[in-house]
Amino acid sequence: MNIEEAVAAIGTAQDVPGLPMAWQWSPMPPFVFSLAVDHDGRWAYQMNSFDVHDDGLARAVLAYARQHQLGRGRDAGPFTVLPGFSYGAYRFDAVAAASPTVHGFHRGRNEDLNEVVSAVFLAY
């Protein structure tokens, strides 16, 4: 699975400044989807925003998930929570990940991509 090609096929994806191998796109307002590929190119982490989107926060969450390989792999549980996250004035202190069998972000559009993405989101 070539994740970069799959994201390019979305058509509206733009590079995330300051985070290599990461893109964001909006399928329709008010949604913003951000995705970063792991260092080896075989897994990705995706954060979706609705209504309010902070580029810096999304970049920090994706970098944290990538650094810790959060929820990566077929053996990962349905949910993984990792404390120790912080960013600016936000009070979130953890990042959680949902496995591909739980999130279904790309189900029905790109099954292969869906199987190599951890859905990541902020938690307390």
PDB file of N, CA and C in Angstrom:
ATOM      1  N   MET A   1       0.847  -1.187   0.000  1.00  0.00           N
ATOM      2  CA  MET A   1       0.000   0.000   0.000  1.00  0.00           C
ATOM      3  C   MET A   1       0.882   1.236   0.000  1.00  0.00           C
ATOM      4  N   ASN A   2       0.737   2.068  -0.988  1.00  0.00           N
ATOM      5  CA  ASN A   2       1.470   3.323  -1.049  1.00  0.00           C
ATOM      6  C   ASN A   2       0.551   4.425  -0.513  1.00  0.00           C
ATOM      7  N   ILE A   3       0.776   4.808   0.735  1.00  0.00           N
ATOM      8  CA  ILE A   3      -0.094   5.775   1.403  1.00  0.00           C
ATOM      9  C   ILE A   3      -0.033   7.133   0.709  1.00  0.00           C
ATOM     10  N   GLU A   4       1.150   7.549   0.317  1.00  0.00           N
ATOM     11  CA  GLU A   4       1.292   8.850  -0.339  1.00  0.00           C
ATOM     12  C   GLU A   4       0.470   8.912  -1.624  1.00  0.00           C
ATOM     13  N   GLU A   5       0.487   7.858  -2.413  1.00  0.00           N
ATOM     14  CA  GLU A   5      -0.318   7.813  -3.638  1.00  0.00           C
ATOM     15  C   GLU A   5      -1.810   7.832  -3.321  1.00  0.00           C
ATOM     16  N   ALA A   6      -2.203   7.116  -2.270  1.00  0.00           N
ATOM     17  CA  ALA A   6      -3.618   7.084  -1.884  1.00  0.00           C
ATOM     18  C   ALA A   6      -4.099   8.474  -1.476  1.00  0.00           C
ATOM     19  N   VAL A   7      -3.273   9.198  -0.740  1.00  0.00           N
ATOM     20  CA  VAL A   7      -3.650  10.556  -0.328  1.00  0.00           C
ATOM     21  C   VAL A   7      -3.663  11.478  -1.544  1.00  0.00           C
ATOM     22  N   ALA A   8      -2.700  11.343  -2.445  1.00  0.00           N
ATOM     23  CA  ALA A   8      -2.670  12.175  -3.650  1.00  0.00           C
ATOM     24  C   ALA A   8      -3.924  11.963  -4.493  1.00  0.00           C
ATOM     25  N   ALA A   9      -4.458  10.747  -4.473  1.00  0.00           N
ATOM     26  CA  ALA A   9      -5.668  10.441  -5.246  1.00  0.00           C
ATOM     27  C   ALA A   9      -6.900  11.165  -4.698  1.00  0.00           C
ATOM     28  N   ILE A  10      -6.818  11.627  -3.460  1.00  0.00           N
ATOM     29  CA  ILE A  10      -7.937  12.391  -2.894  1.00  0.00           C
ATOM     30  C   ILE A  10      -8.141  13.671  -3.695  1.00  0.00           C
ATOM     31  N   GLY A  11      -7.057  14.228  -4.194  1.00  0.00           N
ATOM     32  CA  GLY A  11      -7.145  15.364  -5.116  1.00  0.00           C
ATOM     33  C   GLY A  11      -7.021  16.728  -4.480  1.00  0.00           C
ATOM     34  N   THR A  12      -7.489  16.923  -3.265  1.00  0.00           N
ATOM     35  CA  THR A  12      -7.435  18.240  -2.646  1.00  0.00           C
ATOM     36  C   THR A  12      -6.447  18.302  -1.484  1.00  0.00           C
ATOM     37  N   ALA A  13      -5.681  17.252  -1.270  1.00  0.00           N
ATOM     38  CA  ALA A  13      -4.740  17.210  -0.147  1.00  0.00           C
ATOM     39  C   ALA A  13      -3.592  18.186  -0.365  1.00  0.00           C
ATOM     40  N   GLN A  14      -3.242  18.898   0.699  1.00  0.00           N
ATOM     41  CA  GLN A  14      -2.134  19.855   0.701  1.00  0.00           C
ATOM     42  C   GLN A  14      -1.123  19.422   1.765  1.00  0.00           C
ATOM     43  N   ASP A  15       0.144  19.736   1.562  1.00  0.00           N
ATOM     44  CA  ASP A  15       1.161  19.445   2.575  1.00  0.00           C
ATOM     45  C   ASP A  15       0.856  20.170   3.876  1.00  0.00           C
ATOM     46  N   VAL A  16       1.169  19.524   4.996  1.00  0.00           N
ATOM     47  CA  VAL A  16       1.086  20.173   6.299  1.00  0.00           C
ATOM     48  C   VAL A  16       2.440  20.841   6.539  1.00  0.00           C
ATOM     49  N   PRO A  17       2.500  22.164   6.602  1.00  0.00           N
ATOM     50  CA  PRO A  17       3.784  22.838   6.829  1.00  0.00           C
ATOM     51  C   PRO A  17       4.399  22.414   8.158  1.00  0.00           C
ATOM     52  N   GLY A  18       5.690  22.144   8.115  1.00  0.00           N
ATOM     53  CA  GLY A  18       6.414  21.812   9.338  1.00  0.00           C
ATOM     54  C   GLY A  18       6.335  20.360   9.759  1.00  0.00           C
ATOM     55  N   LEU A  19       5.654  19.517   8.993  1.00  0.00           N
ATOM     56  CA  LEU A  19       5.570  18.090   9.319  1.00  0.00           C
ATOM     57  C   LEU A  19       5.723  17.301   8.026  1.00  0.00           C
ATOM     58  N   PRO A  20       6.902  16.728   7.816  1.00  0.00           N
ATOM     59  CA  PRO A  20       7.136  15.979   6.583  1.00  0.00           C
ATOM     60  C   PRO A  20       6.180  14.791   6.452  1.00  0.00           C
ATOM     61  N   MET A  21       5.869  14.449   5.227  1.00  0.00           N
ATOM     62  CA  MET A  21       5.007  13.309   4.922  1.00  0.00           C
ATOM     63  C   MET A  21       3.656  13.422   5.625  1.00  0.00           C
ATOM     64  N   ALA A  22       3.074  14.603   5.589  1.00  0.00           N
ATOM     65  CA  ALA A  22       1.768  14.844   6.207  1.00  0.00           C
ATOM     66  C   ALA A  22       0.956  15.760   5.304  1.00  0.00           C
ATOM     67  N   TRP A  23      -0.355  15.514   5.258  1.00  0.00           N
ATOM     68  CA  TRP A  23      -1.249  16.272   4.395  1.00  0.00           C
ATOM     69  C   TRP A  23      -2.547  16.573   5.118  1.00  0.00           C
ATOM     70  N   GLN A  24      -3.244  17.571   4.619  1.00  0.00           N
ATOM     71  CA  GLN A  24      -4.592  17.824   5.118  1.00  0.00           C
ATOM     72  C   GLN A  24      -5.492  18.186   3.947  1.00  0.00           C
ATOM     73  N   TRP A  25      -6.771  17.901   4.133  1.00  0.00           N
ATOM     74  CA  TRP A  25      -7.763  18.192   3.109  1.00  0.00           C
ATOM     75  C   TRP A  25      -9.118  18.369   3.778  1.00  0.00           C
ATOM     76  N   SER A  26     -10.007  18.974   3.037  1.00  0.00           N
ATOM     77  CA  SER A  26     -11.365  19.179   3.534  1.00  0.00           C
ATOM     78  C   SER A  26     -12.338  18.589   2.525  1.00  0.00           C
ATOM     79  N   PRO A  27     -13.018  17.497   2.892  1.00  0.00           N
ATOM     80  CA  PRO A  27     -13.972  16.922   1.957  1.00  0.00           C
ATOM     81  C   PRO A  27     -15.190  17.827   1.758  1.00  0.00           C
ATOM     82  N   MET A  28     -15.477  18.643   2.782  1.00  0.00           N
ATOM     83  CA  MET A  28     -16.542  19.651   2.723  1.00  0.00           C
ATOM     84  C   MET A  28     -16.481  20.445   4.023  1.00  0.00           C
ATOM     85  N   PRO A  29     -16.782  21.733   3.943  1.00  0.00           N
ATOM     86  CA  PRO A  29     -16.814  22.505   5.186  1.00  0.00           C
ATOM     87  C   PRO A  29     -17.888  21.926   6.101  1.00  0.00           C
ATOM     88  N   PRO A  30     -17.676  21.839   7.339  1.00  0.00           N
ATOM     89  CA  PRO A  30     -16.624  22.359   8.210  1.00  0.00           C
ATOM     90  C   PRO A  30     -15.592  21.313   8.618  1.00  0.00           C
ATOM     91  N   PHE A  31     -15.383  20.262   7.812  1.00  0.00           N
ATOM     92  CA  PHE A  31     -14.439  19.190   8.146  1.00  0.00           C
ATOM     93  C   PHE A  31     -13.031  19.502   7.648  1.00  0.00           C
ATOM     94  N   VAL A  32     -12.029  19.122   8.435  1.00  0.00           N
ATOM     95  CA  VAL A  32     -10.624  19.147   8.012  1.00  0.00           C
ATOM     96  C   VAL A  32     -10.010  17.828   8.463  1.00  0.00           C
ATOM     97  N   PHE A  33      -9.433  17.105   7.527  1.00  0.00           N
ATOM     98  CA  PHE A  33      -8.773  15.840   7.814  1.00  0.00           C
ATOM     99  C   PHE A  33      -7.272  16.046   7.676  1.00  0.00           C
ATOM    100  N   SER A  34      -6.506  15.545   8.649  1.00  0.00           N
ATOM    101  CA  SER A  34      -5.042  15.655   8.636  1.00  0.00           C
ATOM    102  C   SER A  34      -4.461  14.265   8.805  1.00  0.00           C
ATOM    103  N   LEU A  35      -3.469  13.920   7.995  1.00  0.00           N
ATOM    104  CA  LEU A  35      -2.889  12.580   8.016  1.00  0.00           C
ATOM    105  C   LEU A  35      -1.376  12.676   7.905  1.00  0.00           C
ATOM    106  N   ALA A  36      -0.669  11.898   8.722  1.00  0.00           N
ATOM    107  CA  ALA A  36       0.796  11.831   8.662  1.00  0.00           C
ATOM    108  C   ALA A  36       1.214  10.373   8.544  1.00  0.00           C
ATOM    109  N   VAL A  37       2.150  10.117   7.653  1.00  0.00           N
ATOM    110  CA  VAL A  37       2.672   8.773   7.437  1.00  0.00           C
ATOM    111  C   VAL A  37       3.803   8.513   8.427  1.00  0.00           C
ATOM    112  N   ASP A  38       3.864   7.284   8.936  1.00  0.00           N
ATOM    113  CA  ASP A  38       4.940   6.897   9.831  1.00  0.00           C
ATOM    114  C   ASP A  38       6.280   6.936   9.088  1.00  0.00           C
ATOM    115  N   HIS A  39       7.363   6.905   9.837  1.00  0.00           N
ATOM    116  CA  HIS A  39       8.702   7.061   9.249  1.00  0.00           C
ATOM    117  C   HIS A  39       9.028   5.993   8.206  1.00  0.00           C
ATOM    118  N   ASP A  40       8.487   4.788   8.366  1.00  0.00           N
ATOM    119  CA  ASP A  40       8.795   3.727   7.406  1.00  0.00           C
ATOM    120  C   ASP A  40       7.824   3.693   6.226  1.00  0.00           C
ATOM    121  N   GLY A  41       6.820   4.573   6.241  1.00  0.00           N
ATOM    122  CA  GLY A  41       5.882   4.668   5.133  1.00  0.00           C
ATOM    123  C   GLY A  41       4.809   3.595   5.092  1.00  0.00           C
ATOM    124  N   ARG A  42       4.725   2.750   6.125  1.00  0.00           N
ATOM    125  CA  ARG A  42       3.773   1.636   6.076  1.00  0.00           C
ATOM    126  C   ARG A  42       2.538   1.828   6.963  1.00  0.00           C
ATOM    127  N   TRP A  43       2.463   2.925   7.692  1.00  0.00           N
ATOM    128  CA  TRP A  43       1.327   3.183   8.568  1.00  0.00           C
ATOM    129  C   TRP A  43       1.082   4.684   8.590  1.00  0.00           C
ATOM    130  N   ALA A  44      -0.129   5.090   8.940  1.00  0.00           N
ATOM    131  CA  ALA A  44      -0.432   6.515   9.011  1.00  0.00           C
ATOM    132  C   ALA A  44      -1.337   6.796  10.206  1.00  0.00           C
ATOM    133  N   TYR A  45      -1.368   8.065  10.581  1.00  0.00           N
ATOM    134  CA  TYR A  45      -2.163   8.554  11.704  1.00  0.00           C
ATOM    135  C   TYR A  45      -3.029   9.681  11.169  1.00  0.00           C
ATOM    136  N   GLN A  46      -4.323   9.617  11.453  1.00  0.00           N
ATOM    137  CA  GLN A  46      -5.236  10.624  10.913  1.00  0.00           C
ATOM    138  C   GLN A  46      -6.056  11.239  12.027  1.00  0.00           C
ATOM    139  N   MET A  47      -6.109  12.581  12.012  1.00  0.00           N
ATOM    140  CA  MET A  47      -6.933  13.341  12.945  1.00  0.00           C
ATOM    141  C   MET A  47      -7.951  14.125  12.127  1.00  0.00           C
ATOM    142  N   ASN A  48      -9.210  14.016  12.498  1.00  0.00           N
ATOM    143  CA  ASN A  48     -10.275  14.750  11.820  1.00  0.00           C
ATOM    144  C   ASN A  48     -10.791  15.849  12.737  1.00  0.00           C
ATOM    145  N   SER A  49     -11.040  17.002  12.159  1.00  0.00           N
ATOM    146  CA  SER A  49     -11.589  18.144  12.902  1.00  0.00           C
ATOM    147  C   SER A  49     -12.945  18.506  12.324  1.00  0.00           C
ATOM    148  N   PHE A  50     -13.811  18.988  13.199  1.00  0.00           N
ATOM    149  CA  PHE A  50     -15.127  19.439  12.780  1.00  0.00           C
ATOM    150  C   PHE A  50     -15.369  20.818  13.359  1.00  0.00           C
ATOM    151  N   ASP A  51     -15.672  21.760  12.503  1.00  0.00           N
ATOM    152  CA  ASP A  51     -16.042  23.121  12.872  1.00  0.00           C
ATOM    153  C   ASP A  51     -14.854  23.977  13.296  1.00  0.00           C
ATOM    154  N   VAL A  52     -14.046  23.513  14.238  1.00  0.00           N
ATOM    155  CA  VAL A  52     -12.882  24.274  14.698  1.00  0.00           C
ATOM    156  C   VAL A  52     -11.634  23.463  14.381  1.00  0.00           C
ATOM    157  N   HIS A  53     -10.676  24.099  13.710  1.00  0.00           N
ATOM    158  CA  HIS A  53      -9.426  23.417  13.368  1.00  0.00           C
ATOM    159  C   HIS A  53      -8.257  24.319  13.715  1.00  0.00           C
ATOM    160  N   ASP A  54      -7.271  23.758  14.412  1.00  0.00           N
ATOM    161  CA  ASP A  54      -6.045  24.470  14.770  1.00  0.00           C
ATOM    162  C   ASP A  54      -4.899  23.718  14.106  1.00  0.00           C
ATOM    163  N   ASP A  55      -4.268  24.335  13.107  1.00  0.00           N
ATOM    164  CA  ASP A  55      -3.182  23.674  12.377  1.00  0.00           C
ATOM    165  C   ASP A  55      -2.064  23.218  13.301  1.00  0.00           C
ATOM    166  N   GLY A  56      -1.660  24.071  14.237  1.00  0.00           N
ATOM    167  CA  GLY A  56      -0.576  23.728  15.148  1.00  0.00           C
ATOM    168  C   GLY A  56      -0.930  22.546  16.032  1.00  0.00           C
ATOM    169  N   LEU A  57      -2.147  22.523  16.529  1.00  0.00           N
ATOM    170  CA  LEU A  57      -2.590  21.416  17.374  1.00  0.00           C
ATOM    171  C   LEU A  57      -2.633  20.116  16.578  1.00  0.00           C
ATOM    172  N   ALA A  58      -3.183  20.158  15.390  1.00  0.00           N
ATOM    173  CA  ALA A  58      -3.238  18.954  14.553  1.00  0.00           C
ATOM    174  C   ALA A  58      -1.831  18.446  14.255  1.00  0.00           C
ATOM    175  N   ARG A  59      -0.923  19.356  13.930  1.00  0.00           N
ATOM    176  CA  ARG A  59       0.464  18.974  13.653  1.00  0.00           C
ATOM    177  C   ARG A  59       1.095  18.323  14.886  1.00  0.00           C
ATOM    178  N   ALA A  60       0.849  18.883  16.078  1.00  0.00           N
ATOM    179  CA  ALA A  60       1.410  18.338  17.317  1.00  0.00           C
ATOM    180  C   ALA A  60       0.842  16.951  17.627  1.00  0.00           C
ATOM    181  N   VAL A  61      -0.454  16.765  17.417  1.00  0.00           N
ATOM    182  CA  VAL A  61      -1.078  15.458  17.668  1.00  0.00           C
ATOM    183  C   VAL A  61      -0.507  14.413  16.709  1.00  0.00           C
ATOM    184  N   LEU A  62      -0.403  14.751  15.436  1.00  0.00           N
ATOM    185  CA  LEU A  62       0.139  13.802  14.463  1.00  0.00           C
ATOM    186  C   LEU A  62       1.599  13.466  14.757  1.00  0.00           C
ATOM    187  N   ALA A  63       2.383  14.462  15.132  1.00  0.00           N
ATOM    188  CA  ALA A  63       3.792  14.207  15.468  1.00  0.00           C
ATOM    189  C   ALA A  63       3.900  13.303  16.691  1.00  0.00           C
ATOM    190  N   TYR A  64       3.053  13.527  17.691  1.00  0.00           N
ATOM    191  CA  TYR A  64       3.057  12.709  18.910  1.00  0.00           C
ATOM    192  C   TYR A  64       2.656  11.269  18.582  1.00  0.00           C
ATOM    193  N   ALA A  65       1.616  11.119  17.787  1.00  0.00           N
ATOM    194  CA  ALA A  65       1.171   9.774  17.398  1.00  0.00           C
ATOM    195  C   ALA A  65       2.257   9.059  16.610  1.00  0.00           C
ATOM    196  N   ARG A  66       2.886   9.764  15.698  1.00  0.00           N
ATOM    197  CA  ARG A  66       3.967   9.175  14.896  1.00  0.00           C
ATOM    198  C   ARG A  66       5.146   8.783  15.783  1.00  0.00           C
ATOM    199  N   GLN A  67       5.537   9.669  16.662  1.00  0.00           N
ATOM    200  CA  GLN A  67       6.680   9.401  17.546  1.00  0.00           C
ATOM    201  C   GLN A  67       6.457   8.143  18.382  1.00  0.00           C
ATOM    202  N   HIS A  68       5.233   7.920  18.823  1.00  0.00           N
ATOM    203  CA  HIS A  68       4.924   6.794  19.709  1.00  0.00           C
ATOM    204  C   HIS A  68       4.259   5.631  18.976  1.00  0.00           C
ATOM    205  N   GLN A  69       4.131   5.741  17.661  1.00  0.00           N
ATOM    206  CA  GLN A  69       3.482   4.712  16.842  1.00  0.00           C
ATOM    207  C   GLN A  69       2.162   4.284  17.474  1.00  0.00           C
ATOM    208  N   LEU A  70       1.357   5.257  17.778  1.00  0.00           N
ATOM    209  CA  LEU A  70       0.128   5.081  18.538  1.00  0.00           C
ATOM    210  C   LEU A  70      -0.909   4.250  17.777  1.00  0.00           C
ATOM    211  N   GLY A  71      -1.276   3.126  18.357  1.00  0.00           N
ATOM    212  CA  GLY A  71      -2.283   2.256  17.770  1.00  0.00           C
ATOM    213  C   GLY A  71      -1.847   1.555  16.506  1.00  0.00           C
ATOM    214  N   ARG A  72      -0.553   1.517  16.258  1.00  0.00           N
ATOM    215  CA  ARG A  72      -0.060   0.953  15.003  1.00  0.00           C
ATOM    216  C   ARG A  72      -0.105  -0.569  15.009  1.00  0.00           C
ATOM    217  N   GLY A  73      -0.496  -1.108  13.884  1.00  0.00           N
ATOM    218  CA  GLY A  73      -0.391  -2.538  13.643  1.00  0.00           C
ATOM    219  C   GLY A  73      -1.673  -3.310  13.837  1.00  0.00           C
ATOM    220  N   ARG A  74      -1.699  -4.448  13.231  1.00  0.00           N
ATOM    221  CA  ARG A  74      -2.885  -5.299  13.297  1.00  0.00           C
ATOM    222  C   ARG A  74      -3.104  -5.898  14.675  1.00  0.00           C
ATOM    223  N   ASP A  75      -2.056  -5.946  15.495  1.00  0.00           N
ATOM    224  CA  ASP A  75      -2.179  -6.503  16.845  1.00  0.00           C
ATOM    225  C   ASP A  75      -2.579  -5.464  17.884  1.00  0.00           C
ATOM    226  N   ALA A  76      -2.716  -4.225  17.483  1.00  0.00           N
ATOM    227  CA  ALA A  76      -3.117  -3.173  18.420  1.00  0.00           C
ATOM    228  C   ALA A  76      -4.563  -3.417  18.855  1.00  0.00           C
ATOM    229  N   GLY A  77      -4.861  -3.040  20.076  1.00  0.00           N
ATOM    230  CA  GLY A  77      -6.228  -3.165  20.566  1.00  0.00           C
ATOM    231  C   GLY A  77      -7.141  -2.177  19.868  1.00  0.00           C
ATOM    232  N   PRO A  78      -8.441  -2.257  20.144  1.00  0.00           N
ATOM    233  CA  PRO A  78      -9.377  -1.339  19.493  1.00  0.00           C
ATOM    234  C   PRO A  78      -9.090   0.125  19.808  1.00  0.00           C
ATOM    235  N   PHE A  79      -8.664   0.385  21.055  1.00  0.00           N
ATOM    236  CA  PHE A  79      -8.321   1.741  21.468  1.00  0.00           C
ATOM    237  C   PHE A  79      -7.010   1.721  22.246  1.00  0.00           C
ATOM    238  N   THR A  80      -6.215   2.749  22.029  1.00  0.00           N
ATOM    239  CA  THR A  80      -4.970   2.939  22.767  1.00  0.00           C
ATOM    240  C   THR A  80      -4.972   4.378  23.259  1.00  0.00           C
ATOM    241  N   VAL A  81      -4.588   4.587  24.504  1.00  0.00           N
ATOM    242  CA  VAL A  81      -4.509   5.942  25.060  1.00  0.00           C
ATOM    243  C   VAL A  81      -3.115   6.126  25.623  1.00  0.00           C
ATOM    244  N   LEU A  82      -2.479   7.228  25.252  1.00  0.00           N
ATOM    245  CA  LEU A  82      -1.131   7.514  25.736  1.00  0.00           C
ATOM    246  C   LEU A  82      -1.100   8.895  26.382  1.00  0.00           C
ATOM    247  N   PRO A  83      -0.885   8.962  27.705  1.00  0.00           N
ATOM    248  CA  PRO A  83      -0.778  10.262  28.375  1.00  0.00           C
ATOM    249  C   PRO A  83       0.581  10.909  28.088  1.00  0.00           C
ATOM    250  N   GLY A  84       0.708  12.162  28.509  1.00  0.00           N
ATOM    251  CA  GLY A  84       1.974  12.866  28.366  1.00  0.00           C
ATOM    252  C   GLY A  84       1.974  13.905  27.266  1.00  0.00           C
ATOM    253  N   PHE A  85       0.848  14.102  26.604  1.00  0.00           N
ATOM    254  CA  PHE A  85       0.759  15.079  25.525  1.00  0.00           C
ATOM    255  C   PHE A  85       0.471  16.462  26.097  1.00  0.00           C
ATOM    256  N   SER A  86       1.060  17.472  25.495  1.00  0.00           N
ATOM    257  CA  SER A  86       0.688  18.852  25.812  1.00  0.00           C
ATOM    258  C   SER A  86       0.953  19.715  24.586  1.00  0.00           C
ATOM    259  N   TYR A  87       0.163  20.784  24.492  1.00  0.00           N
ATOM    260  CA  TYR A  87       0.359  21.731  23.410  1.00  0.00           C
ATOM    261  C   TYR A  87      -0.257  23.064  23.808  1.00  0.00           C
ATOM    262  N   GLY A  88       0.562  24.075  23.872  1.00  0.00           N
ATOM    263  CA  GLY A  88       0.092  25.432  24.141  1.00  0.00           C
ATOM    264  C   GLY A  88      -0.801  25.514  25.366  1.00  0.00           C
ATOM    265  N   ALA A  89      -1.858  26.290  25.245  1.00  0.00           N
ATOM    266  CA  ALA A  89      -2.767  26.519  26.365  1.00  0.00           C
ATOM    267  C   ALA A  89      -3.856  25.445  26.467  1.00  0.00           C
ATOM    268  N   TYR A  90      -3.872  24.498  25.532  1.00  0.00           N
ATOM    269  CA  TYR A  90      -4.880  23.432  25.593  1.00  0.00           C
ATOM    270  C   TYR A  90      -4.642  22.557  26.819  1.00  0.00           C
ATOM    271  N   ARG A  91      -5.717  22.052  27.390  1.00  0.00           N
ATOM    272  CA  ARG A  91      -5.612  21.253  28.607  1.00  0.00           C
ATOM    273  C   ARG A  91      -5.619  19.749  28.348  1.00  0.00           C
ATOM    274  N   PHE A  92      -5.677  19.345  27.106  1.00  0.00           N
ATOM    275  CA  PHE A  92      -5.611  17.922  26.785  1.00  0.00           C
ATOM    276  C   PHE A  92      -4.280  17.371  27.282  1.00  0.00           C
ATOM    277  N   ASP A  93      -4.287  16.150  27.844  1.00  0.00           N
ATOM    278  CA  ASP A  93      -3.036  15.585  28.345  1.00  0.00           C
ATOM    279  C   ASP A  93      -2.771  14.185  27.807  1.00  0.00           C
ATOM    280  N   ALA A  94      -3.527  13.773  26.799  1.00  0.00           N
ATOM    281  CA  ALA A  94      -3.339  12.444  26.215  1.00  0.00           C
ATOM    282  C   ALA A  94      -3.792  12.470  24.755  1.00  0.00           C
ATOM    283  N   VAL A  95      -3.279  11.507  24.015  1.00  0.00           N
ATOM    284  CA  VAL A  95      -3.746  11.272  22.653  1.00  0.00           C
ATOM    285  C   VAL A  95      -4.217   9.822  22.612  1.00  0.00           C
ATOM    286  N   ALA A  96      -5.369   9.616  22.021  1.00  0.00           N
ATOM    287  CA  ALA A  96      -5.939   8.277  21.891  1.00  0.00           C
ATOM    288  C   ALA A  96      -5.933   7.876  20.426  1.00  0.00           C
ATOM    289  N   ALA A  97      -5.940   6.574  20.202  1.00  0.00           N
ATOM    290  CA  ALA A  97      -5.991   6.054  18.839  1.00  0.00           C
ATOM    291  C   ALA A  97      -7.047   4.966  18.756  1.00  0.00           C
ATOM    292  N   ALA A  98      -7.761   4.955  17.649  1.00  0.00           N
ATOM    293  CA  ALA A  98      -8.716   3.894  17.351  1.00  0.00           C
ATOM    294  C   ALA A  98      -8.171   3.091  16.178  1.00  0.00           C
ATOM    295  N   SER A  99      -8.305   1.780  16.257  1.00  0.00           N
ATOM    296  CA  SER A  99      -7.786   0.905  15.208  1.00  0.00           C
ATOM    297  C   SER A  99      -8.658   0.973  13.953  1.00  0.00           C
ATOM    298  N   PRO A 100      -8.145   0.482  12.827  1.00  0.00           N
ATOM    299  CA  PRO A 100      -8.913   0.505  11.576  1.00  0.00           C
ATOM    300  C   PRO A 100     -10.259  -0.215  11.670  1.00  0.00           C
ATOM    301  N   THR A 101     -10.346  -1.255  12.475  1.00  0.00           N
ATOM    302  CA  THR A 101     -11.616  -1.972  12.592  1.00  0.00           C
ATOM    303  C   THR A 101     -12.659  -1.137  13.314  1.00  0.00           C
ATOM    304  N   VAL A 102     -12.213  -0.143  14.094  1.00  0.00           N
ATOM    305  CA  VAL A 102     -13.133   0.712  14.839  1.00  0.00           C
ATOM    306  C   VAL A 102     -13.497   1.964  14.046  1.00  0.00           C
ATOM    307  N   HIS A 103     -12.502   2.676  13.506  1.00  0.00           N
ATOM    308  CA  HIS A 103     -12.783   3.997  12.927  1.00  0.00           C
ATOM    309  C   HIS A 103     -13.421   3.967  11.550  1.00  0.00           C
ATOM    310  N   GLY A 104     -12.992   3.144  10.661  1.00  0.00           N
ATOM    311  CA  GLY A 104     -13.574   3.076   9.326  1.00  0.00           C
ATOM    312  C   GLY A 104     -13.477   4.356   8.518  1.00  0.00           C
ATOM    313  N   PHE A 105     -12.448   5.184   8.765  1.00  0.00           N
ATOM    314  CA  PHE A 105     -12.320   6.473   8.090  1.00  0.00           C
ATOM    315  C   PHE A 105     -12.373   6.364   6.564  1.00  0.00           C
ATOM    316  N   HIS A 106     -11.802   5.312   6.005  1.00  0.00           N
ATOM    317  CA  HIS A 106     -11.713   5.210   4.550  1.00  0.00           C
ATOM    318  C   HIS A 106     -12.517   4.026   4.003  1.00  0.00           C
ATOM    319  N   ARG A 107     -13.306   3.410   4.864  1.00  0.00           N
ATOM    320  CA  ARG A 107     -14.132   2.269   4.458  1.00  0.00           C
ATOM    321  C   ARG A 107     -15.100   2.710   3.367  1.00  0.00           C
ATOM    322  N   GLY A 108     -15.185   1.890   2.350  1.00  0.00           N
ATOM    323  CA  GLY A 108     -16.081   2.196   1.239  1.00  0.00           C
ATOM    324  C   GLY A 108     -15.463   3.075   0.168  1.00  0.00           C
ATOM    325  N   ARG A 109     -14.323   3.707   0.473  1.00  0.00           N
ATOM    326  CA  ARG A 109     -13.629   4.552  -0.503  1.00  0.00           C
ATOM    327  C   ARG A 109     -12.266   3.976  -0.848  1.00  0.00           C
ATOM    328  N   ASN A 110     -11.535   3.532   0.180  1.00  0.00           N
ATOM    329  CA  ASN A 110     -10.223   2.936  -0.040  1.00  0.00           C
ATOM    330  C   ASN A 110      -9.941   1.970   1.116  1.00  0.00           C
ATOM    331  N   GLU A 111     -10.358   0.732   0.934  1.00  0.00           N
ATOM    332  CA  GLU A 111     -10.221  -0.288   1.987  1.00  0.00           C
ATOM    333  C   GLU A 111      -8.758  -0.520   2.370  1.00  0.00           C
ATOM    334  N   ASP A 112      -7.863  -0.497   1.401  1.00  0.00           N
ATOM    335  CA  ASP A 112      -6.442  -0.721   1.693  1.00  0.00           C
ATOM    336  C   ASP A 112      -5.891   0.388   2.575  1.00  0.00           C
ATOM    337  N   LEU A 113      -6.248   1.630   2.284  1.00  0.00           N
ATOM    338  CA  LEU A 113      -5.802   2.742   3.114  1.00  0.00           C
ATOM    339  C   LEU A 113      -6.403   2.625   4.511  1.00  0.00           C
ATOM    340  N   ASN A 114      -7.668   2.297   4.587  1.00  0.00           N
ATOM    341  CA  ASN A 114      -8.324   2.171   5.890  1.00  0.00           C
ATOM    342  C   ASN A 114      -7.568   1.216   6.814  1.00  0.00           C
ATOM    343  N   GLU A 115      -7.018   0.151   6.254  1.00  0.00           N
ATOM    344  CA  GLU A 115      -6.359  -0.881   7.055  1.00  0.00           C
ATOM    345  C   GLU A 115      -4.987  -0.492   7.597  1.00  0.00           C
ATOM    346  N   VAL A 116      -4.466   0.676   7.187  1.00  0.00           N
ATOM    347  CA  VAL A 116      -3.141   1.092   7.658  1.00  0.00           C
ATOM    348  C   VAL A 116      -3.172   2.481   8.304  1.00  0.00           C
ATOM    349  N   VAL A 117      -4.337   2.849   8.854  1.00  0.00           N
ATOM    350  CA  VAL A 117      -4.497   4.156   9.483  1.00  0.00           C
ATOM    351  C   VAL A 117      -5.006   4.001  10.911  1.00  0.00           C
ATOM    352  N   SER A 118      -4.334   4.669  11.838  1.00  0.00           N
ATOM    353  CA  SER A 118      -4.855   4.834  13.196  1.00  0.00           C
ATOM    354  C   SER A 118      -5.577   6.178  13.235  1.00  0.00           C
ATOM    355  N   ALA A 119      -6.814   6.174  13.712  1.00  0.00           N
ATOM    356  CA  ALA A 119      -7.526   7.429  13.944  1.00  0.00           C
ATOM    357  C   ALA A 119      -7.039   7.978  15.281  1.00  0.00           C
ATOM    358  N   VAL A 120      -6.542   9.200  15.298  1.00  0.00           N
ATOM    359  CA  VAL A 120      -6.026   9.775  16.551  1.00  0.00           C
ATOM    360  C   VAL A 120      -6.842  10.982  16.941  1.00  0.00           C
ATOM    361  N   PHE A 121      -6.991  11.147  18.254  1.00  0.00           N
ATOM    362  CA  PHE A 121      -7.776  12.265  18.768  1.00  0.00           C
ATOM    363  C   PHE A 121      -7.310  12.611  20.173  1.00  0.00           C
ATOM    364  N   LEU A 122      -7.641  13.803  20.586  1.00  0.00           N
ATOM    365  CA  LEU A 122      -7.228  14.313  21.901  1.00  0.00           C
ATOM    366  C   LEU A 122      -8.083  13.713  23.011  1.00  0.00           C
ATOM    367  N   ALA A 123      -7.482  13.609  24.192  1.00  0.00           N
ATOM    368  CA  ALA A 123      -8.193  13.056  25.338  1.00  0.00           C
ATOM    369  C   ALA A 123      -7.671  13.739  26.615  1.00  0.00           C
ATOM    370  N   TYR A 124      -8.412  13.529  27.689  1.00  0.00           N
ATOM    371  CA  TYR A 124      -8.002  14.020  29.014  1.00  0.00           C
ATOM    372  C   TYR A 124      -7.606  12.832  29.863  1.00  0.00           C
TER     373      TYR A 124
END
